[in-house]
Amino acid sequence: MLKRKTTEQVNAKIGSIIGADMVVKGDIEATEAIRVEGNVTGDVSSEGTLVIAATGKVVGNIKGNNIMIAGTIEGDLFSGGRTEVASTGRIIGNIRTRSLIVDENAVFQGQCSMNPNGIEAAPMIPEKEPYTNDTDDAKEY
């Protein structure tokens, strides 16, 4: 499914590449497209397309206009457009996107919120308080 490239993907200008042998600790922000082939510990944000290659790993939140995942994400994902997860992709975290395409054998553990009007109009589901069993409130049956 991800083998066909849209016109936007073909015309996307990659402004920054994090090479396969690079390790980045800290947040990354860019106005152009970013391709991550190495490891990033921190948030990654782009006003353009964000590509996480099969060798890429991000431990942090990512945000982009269109996002393509073939590597690993451990954090939340925010996309104002289209999100594609390849068969080698792995996302451990929540997704908020306009549209989502997930190939067979991809891994996704988390919650997904999709809204055709964009991510700004789609609130994330708030986390629930952890379950506690207070003995004072417990009832015996």
C-alpha atoms as a PDB file:
ATOM      1  CA  MET A   1       0.000   0.000   0.000  1.00  0.00           C
ATOM      2  CA  LEU A   2       2.859   2.405   0.739  1.00  0.00           C
ATOM      3  CA  LYS A   3       4.721   1.603  -2.468  1.00  0.00           C
ATOM      4  CA  ARG A   4       2.669   4.119  -4.477  1.00  0.00           C
ATOM      5  CA  LYS A   5       3.869   7.645  -3.907  1.00  0.00           C
ATOM      6  CA  THR A   6       1.517  10.592  -4.013  1.00  0.00           C
ATOM      7  CA  THR A   7       2.461  13.732  -5.906  1.00  0.00           C
ATOM      8  CA  GLU A   8       3.037  15.497  -2.581  1.00  0.00           C
ATOM      9  CA  GLN A   9       5.485  12.803  -1.469  1.00  0.00           C
ATOM     10  CA  VAL A  10       7.417  12.940  -4.723  1.00  0.00           C
ATOM     11  CA  ASN A  11       7.613  16.749  -4.621  1.00  0.00           C
ATOM     12  CA  ALA A  12       8.431  16.958  -0.894  1.00  0.00           C
ATOM     13  CA  LYS A  13      11.752  18.687  -0.320  1.00  0.00           C
ATOM     14  CA  ILE A  14      13.689  16.981   2.449  1.00  0.00           C
ATOM     15  CA  GLY A  15      15.197  19.839   4.426  1.00  0.00           C
ATOM     16  CA  SER A  16      16.965  17.738   7.066  1.00  0.00           C
ATOM     17  CA  ILE A  17      18.195  14.163   7.307  1.00  0.00           C
ATOM     18  CA  ILE A  18      19.187  12.470  10.551  1.00  0.00           C
ATOM     19  CA  GLY A  19      21.591   9.836   9.237  1.00  0.00           C
ATOM     20  CA  ALA A  20      21.524   6.171  10.251  1.00  0.00           C
ATOM     21  CA  ASP A  21      24.707   6.555  12.335  1.00  0.00           C
ATOM     22  CA  MET A  22      23.488   9.682  14.168  1.00  0.00           C
ATOM     23  CA  VAL A  23      22.176   9.893  17.732  1.00  0.00           C
ATOM     24  CA  VAL A  24      20.338  13.106  18.625  1.00  0.00           C
ATOM     25  CA  LYS A  25      19.363  14.015  22.187  1.00  0.00           C
ATOM     26  CA  GLY A  26      17.013  17.004  22.221  1.00  0.00           C
ATOM     27  CA  ASP A  27      14.037  18.430  20.390  1.00  0.00           C
ATOM     28  CA  ILE A  28      14.066  19.007  16.629  1.00  0.00           C
ATOM     29  CA  GLU A  29      11.921  21.634  14.882  1.00  0.00           C
ATOM     30  CA  ALA A  30      11.888  22.366  11.154  1.00  0.00           C
ATOM     31  CA  THR A  31       9.774  24.159   8.575  1.00  0.00           C
ATOM     32  CA  GLU A  32      10.692  21.718   5.789  1.00  0.00           C
ATOM     33  CA  ALA A  33      10.449  17.947   5.579  1.00  0.00           C
ATOM     34  CA  ILE A  34      12.570  15.780   7.886  1.00  0.00           C
ATOM     35  CA  ARG A  35      13.808  12.241   7.316  1.00  0.00           C
ATOM     36  CA  VAL A  36      14.982  10.306  10.386  1.00  0.00           C
ATOM     37  CA  GLU A  37      17.222   7.309   9.729  1.00  0.00           C
ATOM     38  CA  GLY A  38      19.047   7.357  13.085  1.00  0.00           C
ATOM     39  CA  ASN A  39      18.007   7.636  16.739  1.00  0.00           C
ATOM     40  CA  VAL A  40      16.352  10.681  18.303  1.00  0.00           C
ATOM     41  CA  THR A  41      15.537  11.095  21.986  1.00  0.00           C
ATOM     42  CA  GLY A  42      13.274  14.129  22.089  1.00  0.00           C
ATOM     43  CA  ASP A  43      10.323  15.612  20.244  1.00  0.00           C
ATOM     44  CA  VAL A  44      10.441  15.978  16.451  1.00  0.00           C
ATOM     45  CA  SER A  45       8.261  18.604  14.782  1.00  0.00           C
ATOM     46  CA  SER A  46       8.002  19.628  11.138  1.00  0.00           C
ATOM     47  CA  GLU A  47       5.628  21.914   9.275  1.00  0.00           C
ATOM     48  CA  GLY A  48       6.186  19.639   6.280  1.00  0.00           C
ATOM     49  CA  THR A  49       6.399  15.894   5.807  1.00  0.00           C
ATOM     50  CA  LEU A  50       8.037  13.745   8.472  1.00  0.00           C
ATOM     51  CA  VAL A  51       9.557  10.406   7.436  1.00  0.00           C
ATOM     52  CA  ILE A  52      10.840   7.837   9.921  1.00  0.00           C
ATOM     53  CA  ALA A  53      12.866   5.324   7.905  1.00  0.00           C
ATOM     54  CA  ALA A  54      13.064   1.610   8.770  1.00  0.00           C
ATOM     55  CA  THR A  55      16.343   2.243  10.638  1.00  0.00           C
ATOM     56  CA  GLY A  56      14.923   5.300  12.426  1.00  0.00           C
ATOM     57  CA  LYS A  57      13.785   5.447  16.037  1.00  0.00           C
ATOM     58  CA  VAL A  58      12.227   8.367  17.925  1.00  0.00           C
ATOM     59  CA  VAL A  59      11.651   8.288  21.671  1.00  0.00           C
ATOM     60  CA  GLY A  60       9.441  11.333  22.041  1.00  0.00           C
ATOM     61  CA  ASN A  61       6.402  12.932  20.448  1.00  0.00           C
ATOM     62  CA  ILE A  62       6.313  13.659  16.732  1.00  0.00           C
ATOM     63  CA  LYS A  63       4.295  16.213  14.800  1.00  0.00           C
ATOM     64  CA  GLY A  64       4.075  16.833  11.083  1.00  0.00           C
ATOM     65  CA  ASN A  65       1.772  17.707   8.241  1.00  0.00           C
ATOM     66  CA  ASN A  66       2.053  14.224   6.708  1.00  0.00           C
ATOM     67  CA  ILE A  67       3.880  11.431   8.500  1.00  0.00           C
ATOM     68  CA  MET A  68       5.294   8.172   7.148  1.00  0.00           C
ATOM     69  CA  ILE A  69       6.537   5.585   9.646  1.00  0.00           C
ATOM     70  CA  ALA A  70       8.697   2.618   8.677  1.00  0.00           C
ATOM     71  CA  GLY A  71      10.763   2.650  11.897  1.00  0.00           C
ATOM     72  CA  THR A  72       9.908   2.929  15.605  1.00  0.00           C
ATOM     73  CA  ILE A  73       8.099   5.657  17.533  1.00  0.00           C
ATOM     74  CA  GLU A  74       7.802   5.583  21.328  1.00  0.00           C
ATOM     75  CA  GLY A  75       5.583   8.592  21.982  1.00  0.00           C
ATOM     76  CA  ASP A  76       2.500  10.338  20.691  1.00  0.00           C
ATOM     77  CA  LEU A  77       2.006  11.208  17.035  1.00  0.00           C
ATOM     78  CA  PHE A  78       0.166  14.315  15.767  1.00  0.00           C
ATOM     79  CA  SER A  79      -0.527  14.715  12.035  1.00  0.00           C
ATOM     80  CA  GLY A  80      -2.507  17.480  10.364  1.00  0.00           C
ATOM     81  CA  GLY A  81      -2.853  15.343   7.255  1.00  0.00           C
ATOM     82  CA  ARG A  82      -2.164  11.744   6.405  1.00  0.00           C
ATOM     83  CA  THR A  83      -0.340   9.178   8.538  1.00  0.00           C
ATOM     84  CA  GLU A  84       1.049   6.012   6.951  1.00  0.00           C
ATOM     85  CA  VAL A  85       2.553   3.107   8.879  1.00  0.00           C
ATOM     86  CA  ALA A  86       4.557   0.607   6.807  1.00  0.00           C
ATOM     87  CA  SER A  87       4.735  -3.098   7.607  1.00  0.00           C
ATOM     88  CA  THR A  88       8.064  -2.478   9.400  1.00  0.00           C
ATOM     89  CA  GLY A  89       6.612   0.440  11.383  1.00  0.00           C
ATOM     90  CA  ARG A  90       6.077   0.317  15.124  1.00  0.00           C
ATOM     91  CA  ILE A  91       4.194   2.937  17.173  1.00  0.00           C
ATOM     92  CA  ILE A  92       3.925   2.729  20.952  1.00  0.00           C
ATOM     93  CA  GLY A  93       1.769   5.734  21.815  1.00  0.00           C
ATOM     94  CA  ASN A  94      -1.355   7.607  20.821  1.00  0.00           C
ATOM     95  CA  ILE A  95      -2.124   8.845  17.318  1.00  0.00           C
ATOM     96  CA  ARG A  96      -4.102  11.942  16.415  1.00  0.00           C
ATOM     97  CA  THR A  97      -4.450  12.401  12.655  1.00  0.00           C
ATOM     98  CA  ARG A  98      -6.767  13.348   9.830  1.00  0.00           C
ATOM     99  CA  SER A  99      -6.409   9.960   8.081  1.00  0.00           C
ATOM    100  CA  LEU A 100      -4.535   6.742   8.875  1.00  0.00           C
ATOM    101  CA  ILE A 101      -3.198   3.928   6.702  1.00  0.00           C
ATOM    102  CA  VAL A 102      -1.651   0.910   8.443  1.00  0.00           C
ATOM    103  CA  ASP A 103       0.000  -1.898   6.485  1.00  0.00           C
ATOM    104  CA  GLU A 104      -0.266  -5.523   7.526  1.00  0.00           C
ATOM    105  CA  ASN A 105       2.297  -6.589  10.185  1.00  0.00           C
ATOM    106  CA  ALA A 106       2.757  -3.028  11.474  1.00  0.00           C
ATOM    107  CA  VAL A 107       2.620  -2.611  15.261  1.00  0.00           C
ATOM    108  CA  PHE A 108       0.420  -0.007  16.939  1.00  0.00           C
ATOM    109  CA  GLN A 109      -0.174   0.046  20.698  1.00  0.00           C
ATOM    110  CA  GLY A 110      -2.209   3.013  21.868  1.00  0.00           C
ATOM    111  CA  GLN A 111      -5.312   5.008  21.043  1.00  0.00           C
ATOM    112  CA  CYS A 112      -6.176   6.639  17.740  1.00  0.00           C
ATOM    113  CA  SER A 113      -8.287   9.737  17.187  1.00  0.00           C
ATOM    114  CA  MET A 114      -9.120  10.564  13.563  1.00  0.00           C
ATOM    115  CA  ASN A 115     -10.938  13.679  12.437  1.00  0.00           C
ATOM    116  CA  PRO A 116     -11.383  14.766   8.803  1.00  0.00           C
ATOM    117  CA  ASN A 117     -11.379  18.405   9.970  1.00  0.00           C
ATOM    118  CA  GLY A 118      -7.815  18.137  11.307  1.00  0.00           C
ATOM    119  CA  ILE A 119      -6.087  17.532  14.615  1.00  0.00           C
ATOM    120  CA  GLU A 120      -6.929  20.880  16.161  1.00  0.00           C
ATOM    121  CA  ALA A 121     -10.634  19.940  16.280  1.00  0.00           C
ATOM    122  CA  ALA A 122     -10.033  16.436  17.644  1.00  0.00           C
ATOM    123  CA  PRO A 123      -9.195  16.384  21.367  1.00  0.00           C
ATOM    124  CA  MET A 124      -7.176  13.478  22.708  1.00  0.00           C
ATOM    125  CA  ILE A 125      -8.940  11.130  25.071  1.00  0.00           C
ATOM    126  CA  PRO A 126      -7.862  12.114  28.603  1.00  0.00           C
ATOM    127  CA  GLU A 127      -5.998   9.526  30.590  1.00  0.00           C
ATOM    128  CA  LYS A 128      -7.953   7.840  33.337  1.00  0.00           C
ATOM    129  CA  GLU A 129      -6.820   7.840  36.923  1.00  0.00           C
ATOM    130  CA  PRO A 130      -5.113   4.571  37.876  1.00  0.00           C
ATOM    131  CA  TYR A 131      -7.331   2.082  39.679  1.00  0.00           C
ATOM    132  CA  THR A 132      -6.870   2.020  43.434  1.00  0.00           C
ATOM    133  CA  ASN A 133      -8.609  -0.285  45.866  1.00  0.00           C
ATOM    134  CA  ASP A 134      -9.107   1.771  49.028  1.00  0.00           C
ATOM    135  CA  THR A 135     -10.207  -0.526  51.834  1.00  0.00           C
ATOM    136  CA  ASP A 136     -12.371   2.208  53.411  1.00  0.00           C
ATOM    137  CA  ASP A 137     -14.548   2.410  50.283  1.00  0.00           C
ATOM    138  CA  ALA A 138     -14.526  -1.304  49.493  1.00  0.00           C
ATOM    139  CA  LYS A 139     -17.812  -3.113  49.911  1.00  0.00           C
ATOM    140  CA  GLU A 140     -18.114  -6.722  50.886  1.00  0.00           C
ATOM    141  CA  TYR A 141     -20.620  -8.822  48.974  1.00  0.00           C
END
